[in-house]
Amino acid sequence: MRRLIGMLIITMMLAVSYSNAIDDKCAACTAVAGELQNGLSNERPRNHLDMRHRLDSKGQRQGKLIDYRVSELRVVELLDGLCEKMQDYTLKIDQNTHKWFKVDNWDNLTSNKQEAKAYSKDISSYCGRLLEETEDELSELIKKGSVKVGGVSKVLCQDLSKHCRQTSVSHEAELDDEDNDEL
């Protein structure tokens, strides 16, 4: 019986810890969007992807030449490892506001380091769930060029996940156009 009560207490403490960390999903989403925006702004120009690896009977190369900006490879490179990078973030709570920030040196952190590390795991897990929910639409928008530096937070946090309040009329129009194309 004591063991069961102990397990319940631990479960409740973990639940409270988790709920405190991601109380403000808009702030967490904005932090993830900021890291994705860093990836976009640090992208180096790339050549087209040459997928012409086969030769026809005349010795001419066959296959596609794909623009890197609209390729699946670009999406994978942008999103792969994003949530692991979020483990460098922790939460600062000031008078009912949540602010996620990147920690450059965990040794220089003045607050409770164990709690800060727990928050970093929380946002990393949140990032995984966020990408799981939005990955297909986000990938398509990246390939279309609709996700630009400066607009990542709006697309990811307002339009796709709806974790922030305002919605974009332009993105909704794009989705409506896609729905009409399918009819």
Protein backbone atom coordinates (compact mmCIF):
# COMPACT_ATOMS: atom_id res chain seq x y z
CA MET A 1 0.00 0.00 0.00
CA ARG A 2 2.83 2.40 0.90
CA ARG A 3 4.51 1.58 -2.36
CA LEU A 4 1.33 2.39 -4.29
CA ILE A 5 0.96 5.72 -2.46
CA GLY A 6 4.61 6.50 -3.15
CA MET A 7 4.14 5.79 -6.85
CA LEU A 8 1.03 7.99 -6.93
CA ILE A 9 2.91 10.85 -5.28
CA ILE A 10 5.78 10.55 -7.75
CA THR A 11 3.34 10.43 -10.68
CA MET A 12 1.55 13.52 -9.39
CA MET A 13 4.85 15.38 -8.93
CA LEU A 14 5.88 14.54 -12.47
CA ALA A 15 2.50 15.64 -13.79
CA VAL A 16 2.76 18.94 -11.92
CA SER A 17 6.31 19.45 -13.17
CA TYR A 18 5.24 18.71 -16.73
CA SER A 19 2.16 20.91 -16.62
CA ASN A 20 4.15 23.84 -15.21
CA ALA A 21 6.72 23.59 -17.98
CA ILE A 22 4.29 23.64 -20.86
CA ASP A 23 1.55 25.78 -19.34
CA ASP A 24 2.16 28.41 -21.97
CA LYS A 25 2.18 26.44 -25.21
CA CYS A 26 2.44 29.65 -27.21
CA ALA A 27 5.76 30.53 -25.53
CA ALA A 28 7.06 26.99 -26.02
CA CYS A 29 5.97 26.93 -29.66
CA THR A 30 7.59 30.33 -30.23
CA ALA A 31 10.87 28.98 -28.85
CA VAL A 32 10.72 25.97 -31.20
CA ALA A 33 9.86 28.31 -34.09
CA GLY A 34 12.83 30.50 -33.16
CA GLU A 35 15.19 27.55 -33.36
CA LEU A 36 13.71 26.53 -36.73
CA GLN A 37 14.09 30.13 -37.88
CA ASN A 38 17.78 29.97 -36.89
CA GLY A 39 18.09 26.91 -39.12
CA LEU A 40 16.45 28.73 -42.02
CA SER A 41 18.56 31.85 -41.64
CA ASN A 42 21.79 29.83 -41.37
CA GLU A 43 21.07 27.78 -44.49
CA ARG A 44 23.80 27.88 -47.07
CA PRO A 45 22.81 28.17 -50.72
CA ARG A 46 22.75 24.72 -52.30
CA ASN A 47 22.80 23.47 -55.86
CA HIS A 48 20.01 21.44 -57.34
CA LEU A 49 19.89 17.78 -56.45
CA ASP A 50 20.97 15.71 -59.42
CA MET A 51 18.96 12.51 -59.47
CA ARG A 52 20.07 11.56 -63.01
CA HIS A 53 22.04 8.45 -62.14
CA ARG A 54 20.83 6.13 -64.90
CA LEU A 55 21.91 6.10 -68.51
CA ASP A 56 19.57 5.41 -71.39
CA SER A 57 20.51 3.31 -74.45
CA LYS A 58 22.20 6.35 -76.06
CA GLY A 59 24.37 7.06 -73.01
CA GLN A 60 22.30 10.06 -71.92
CA ARG A 61 21.61 10.55 -68.21
CA GLN A 62 18.03 9.89 -67.11
CA GLY A 63 16.26 11.12 -64.02
CA LYS A 64 15.30 14.37 -62.37
CA LEU A 65 17.10 17.52 -61.44
CA ILE A 66 15.38 18.79 -58.27
CA ASP A 67 15.62 22.33 -56.89
CA TYR A 68 17.04 22.03 -53.36
CA ARG A 69 14.64 24.70 -52.02
CA VAL A 70 11.62 22.46 -52.78
CA SER A 71 13.25 19.14 -51.94
CA GLU A 72 12.39 16.70 -49.20
CA LEU A 73 16.10 16.69 -48.29
CA ARG A 74 15.91 20.37 -47.29
CA VAL A 75 12.90 19.69 -45.05
CA VAL A 76 14.66 16.75 -43.41
CA GLU A 77 17.82 18.78 -42.83
CA LEU A 78 15.81 21.63 -41.26
CA LEU A 79 13.64 19.48 -39.00
CA ASP A 80 16.05 16.66 -38.16
CA GLY A 81 17.69 17.34 -34.82
CA LEU A 82 15.47 20.34 -34.07
CA CYS A 83 14.05 18.82 -30.90
CA GLU A 84 17.51 17.76 -29.69
CA LYS A 85 18.59 21.41 -30.03
CA MET A 86 15.67 22.35 -27.78
CA GLN A 87 17.46 20.55 -24.92
CA ASP A 88 19.65 23.67 -24.74
CA TYR A 89 16.58 25.70 -23.68
CA THR A 90 15.04 26.18 -20.26
CA LEU A 91 12.14 28.12 -18.80
CA LYS A 92 12.14 31.37 -16.89
CA ILE A 93 8.89 32.32 -15.15
CA ASP A 94 8.33 35.97 -14.22
CA GLN A 95 5.01 37.17 -12.82
CA ASN A 96 2.79 34.79 -14.80
CA THR A 97 4.85 35.01 -18.01
CA HIS A 98 6.81 32.11 -19.41
CA LYS A 99 9.99 32.78 -21.37
CA TRP A 100 12.04 30.01 -22.94
CA PHE A 101 15.67 30.89 -23.49
CA LYS A 102 18.74 29.15 -24.82
CA VAL A 103 21.36 28.29 -22.22
CA ASP A 104 24.89 28.86 -23.48
CA ASN A 105 26.61 27.41 -20.41
CA TRP A 106 24.67 25.31 -17.90
CA ASP A 107 27.41 25.87 -15.31
CA ASN A 108 26.74 29.63 -15.31
CA LEU A 109 23.02 29.15 -14.65
CA THR A 110 22.06 30.87 -11.39
CA SER A 111 18.71 29.13 -10.86
CA ASN A 112 18.05 25.54 -9.82
CA LYS A 113 20.02 23.54 -12.41
CA GLN A 114 18.09 20.33 -11.84
CA GLU A 115 14.79 22.11 -12.44
CA ALA A 116 16.24 23.90 -15.47
CA LYS A 117 17.37 20.55 -16.95
CA ALA A 118 13.88 19.12 -16.34
CA TYR A 119 12.38 22.06 -18.25
CA SER A 120 14.81 21.42 -21.12
CA LYS A 121 13.56 17.84 -21.36
CA ASP A 122 9.97 19.09 -21.25
CA ILE A 123 10.42 21.47 -24.18
CA SER A 124 12.29 18.81 -26.14
CA SER A 125 9.36 16.42 -25.64
CA TYR A 126 6.91 19.19 -26.49
CA CYS A 127 8.86 19.86 -29.69
CA GLY A 128 8.56 16.19 -30.68
CA ARG A 129 4.79 16.25 -30.16
CA LEU A 130 4.47 19.58 -31.99
CA LEU A 131 6.37 18.30 -35.01
CA GLU A 132 4.42 15.05 -34.99
CA GLU A 133 1.17 17.04 -35.14
CA THR A 134 2.28 19.55 -37.78
CA GLU A 135 5.05 17.85 -39.76
CA ASP A 136 3.12 17.04 -42.93
CA GLU A 137 1.65 20.52 -43.35
CA LEU A 138 4.86 22.22 -42.22
CA SER A 139 6.92 20.17 -44.70
CA GLU A 140 4.63 21.12 -47.56
CA LEU A 141 4.73 24.80 -46.61
CA ILE A 142 8.54 24.74 -46.41
CA LYS A 143 8.74 23.09 -49.85
CA LYS A 144 6.31 25.68 -51.29
CA GLY A 145 8.42 28.51 -49.89
CA SER A 146 5.63 29.69 -47.59
CA VAL A 147 7.83 29.45 -44.49
CA LYS A 148 10.29 32.32 -44.58
CA VAL A 149 12.74 33.80 -42.11
CA GLY A 150 10.73 36.09 -39.87
CA GLY A 151 7.47 34.22 -40.42
CA VAL A 152 8.17 30.83 -38.87
CA SER A 153 6.44 31.56 -35.57
CA LYS A 154 3.31 32.79 -37.32
CA VAL A 155 3.05 29.73 -39.54
CA LEU A 156 3.94 27.14 -36.90
CA CYS A 157 2.34 28.60 -33.78
CA GLN A 158 -0.68 30.46 -35.12
CA ASP A 159 -1.65 28.79 -38.37
CA LEU A 160 -0.70 25.14 -37.91
CA SER A 161 -0.68 24.28 -34.20
CA LYS A 162 -3.00 27.09 -33.09
CA HIS A 163 -1.01 27.35 -29.85
CA CYS A 164 -0.95 31.14 -30.26
CA ARG A 165 -4.17 33.06 -30.70
CA GLN A 166 -4.04 35.06 -33.93
CA THR A 167 -4.54 33.19 -37.20
CA SER A 168 -3.33 34.07 -40.63
CA VAL A 169 -5.82 34.79 -43.38
CA SER A 170 -3.19 34.12 -46.05
CA HIS A 171 -2.39 30.59 -44.82
CA GLU A 172 -6.09 29.74 -44.52
CA ALA A 173 -6.53 30.90 -48.12
CA GLU A 174 -3.67 28.59 -49.18
CA LEU A 175 -5.32 25.65 -47.42
CA ASP A 176 -8.65 26.49 -49.07
CA ASP A 177 -6.93 26.57 -52.48
CA GLU A 178 -5.44 23.12 -51.79
CA ASP A 179 -8.86 21.78 -50.81
CA ASN A 180 -10.40 23.16 -54.01
CA ASP A 181 -7.64 21.57 -56.09
CA GLU A 182 -8.52 18.16 -54.63
CA LEU A 183 -12.18 18.47 -55.67
